[in-house]
């Protein structure tokens, strides 16, 4: 019976060694695939950034030009600018007043 126990232990040890080798091989495979995926995603992100950069620069330039044009128009027509801003403020105040009148009844925290 002692030989049988030793045989079983030897067999189990072989199986454990084989499993350890398989786990090691799988870890290396996963690591290689992870690195490959990382570099692929990094390259894609770089290409997207490079493609978007000129468009973003163009948009910023357009926004600056529009801002400068609006500022120039405001400087040339200060009365119209003041009237437009006062009108926008009055509309905002009126909207706030009307919305505040349609509030729901207060909800008490103890309910």
Protein backbone atom coordinates (compact mmCIF):
# COMPACT_ATOMS: atom_id res chain seq x y z
CA UNK A 1 0.00 0.00 0.00
CA UNK A 2 2.94 2.33 0.64
CA UNK A 3 4.01 2.00 -2.99
CA UNK A 4 0.53 2.95 -4.12
CA UNK A 5 0.54 6.07 -1.94
CA UNK A 6 3.97 7.01 -3.27
CA UNK A 7 2.76 6.41 -6.82
CA UNK A 8 -0.28 8.63 -6.22
CA UNK A 9 1.89 11.36 -4.72
CA UNK A 10 4.27 11.19 -7.67
CA UNK A 11 1.38 11.32 -10.12
CA UNK A 12 -0.20 14.28 -8.32
CA UNK A 13 3.18 16.05 -8.23
CA UNK A 14 3.55 15.53 -11.99
CA UNK A 15 0.03 16.87 -12.56
CA UNK A 16 0.73 19.91 -10.38
CA UNK A 17 3.99 20.59 -12.22
CA UNK A 18 2.20 20.30 -15.57
CA UNK A 19 -0.53 22.67 -14.38
CA UNK A 20 2.06 25.18 -13.16
CA UNK A 21 3.76 25.10 -16.56
CA UNK A 22 0.40 25.57 -18.31
CA UNK A 23 -0.50 28.49 -16.04
CA UNK A 24 2.89 30.07 -16.72
CA UNK A 25 2.42 29.64 -20.48
CA UNK A 26 -1.08 31.17 -20.30
CA UNK A 27 0.19 34.12 -18.25
CA UNK A 28 2.87 34.82 -20.85
CA UNK A 29 0.30 34.58 -23.65
CA UNK A 30 -2.11 36.95 -21.88
CA UNK A 31 0.70 39.38 -21.14
CA UNK A 32 1.76 39.43 -24.77
CA UNK A 33 -1.82 39.99 -25.94
CA UNK A 34 -2.31 42.74 -23.36
CA UNK A 35 0.81 44.55 -24.52
CA UNK A 36 -0.27 44.22 -28.14
CA UNK A 37 -3.72 45.60 -27.34
CA UNK A 38 -2.18 48.48 -25.36
CA UNK A 39 0.05 49.53 -28.26
CA UNK A 40 -2.83 49.21 -30.73
CA UNK A 41 -5.12 51.40 -28.62
CA UNK A 42 -2.33 53.91 -28.05
CA UNK A 43 -1.69 54.14 -31.80
CA UNK A 44 -5.39 54.58 -32.54
CA UNK A 45 -5.69 57.33 -29.93
CA UNK A 46 -2.66 59.06 -31.41
CA UNK A 47 -4.18 58.97 -34.88
CA UNK A 48 -7.51 60.32 -33.61
CA UNK A 49 -5.70 63.13 -31.79
CA UNK A 50 -3.67 63.99 -34.89
CA UNK A 51 -6.82 64.01 -37.02
CA UNK A 52 -8.78 66.15 -34.56
CA UNK A 53 -6.03 68.68 -33.82
CA UNK A 54 -6.29 70.69 -37.06
CA UNK A 55 -10.08 70.83 -36.78
CA UNK A 56 -9.86 71.97 -33.16
CA UNK A 57 -7.36 74.67 -34.07
CA UNK A 58 -9.67 75.82 -36.86
CA UNK A 59 -12.63 75.94 -34.48
CA UNK A 60 -10.65 77.97 -31.93
CA UNK A 61 -9.60 80.41 -34.63
CA UNK A 62 -13.22 80.74 -35.78
CA UNK A 63 -14.42 81.36 -32.22
CA UNK A 64 -11.75 84.02 -31.72
CA UNK A 65 -12.74 85.72 -34.96
CA UNK A 66 -16.43 85.68 -33.99
CA UNK A 67 -15.59 87.02 -30.52
CA UNK A 68 -13.51 89.81 -31.99
CA UNK A 69 -16.31 90.67 -34.43
CA UNK A 70 -18.88 90.74 -31.61
CA UNK A 71 -16.62 92.91 -29.47
CA UNK A 72 -16.07 95.27 -32.40
CA UNK A 73 -19.80 95.53 -33.03
CA UNK A 74 -20.39 96.21 -29.32
CA UNK A 75 -17.78 99.00 -29.38
CA UNK A 76 -19.29 100.55 -32.51
CA UNK A 77 -22.87 100.42 -31.19
CA UNK A 78 -22.80 100.81 -27.41
CA UNK A 79 -26.45 101.89 -27.16
CA UNK A 80 -27.68 98.85 -29.07
CA UNK A 81 -25.44 96.57 -26.96
CA UNK A 82 -26.77 98.05 -23.73
CA UNK A 83 -30.35 97.70 -24.96
CA UNK A 84 -29.80 94.06 -26.00
CA UNK A 85 -28.19 93.15 -22.68
CA UNK A 86 -30.92 94.92 -20.69
CA UNK A 87 -33.59 93.13 -22.74
CA UNK A 88 -31.91 89.76 -22.18
CA UNK A 89 -31.71 90.47 -18.44
CA UNK A 90 -35.39 91.47 -18.31
CA UNK A 91 -36.41 88.31 -20.16
CA UNK A 92 -34.31 86.21 -17.76
CA UNK A 93 -35.84 87.93 -14.75
CA UNK A 94 -39.36 87.46 -16.11
CA UNK A 95 -38.71 83.77 -16.86
CA UNK A 96 -37.36 83.26 -13.35
CA UNK A 97 -40.32 85.03 -11.81
CA UNK A 98 -42.81 82.97 -13.81
CA UNK A 99 -41.03 79.71 -13.03
CA UNK A 100 -40.83 80.51 -9.33
CA UNK A 101 -44.62 80.92 -9.23
CA UNK A 102 -45.13 77.38 -10.53
CA UNK A 103 -43.13 75.66 -7.79
CA UNK A 104 -44.47 72.57 -6.10
CA UNK A 105 -45.46 72.77 -2.44
CA UNK A 106 -42.46 72.48 -0.12
CA UNK A 107 -41.37 68.97 0.73
CA UNK A 108 -40.54 68.64 4.40
CA UNK A 109 -37.48 66.61 5.28
CA UNK A 110 -39.24 64.71 8.08
CA UNK A 111 -41.78 63.06 5.80
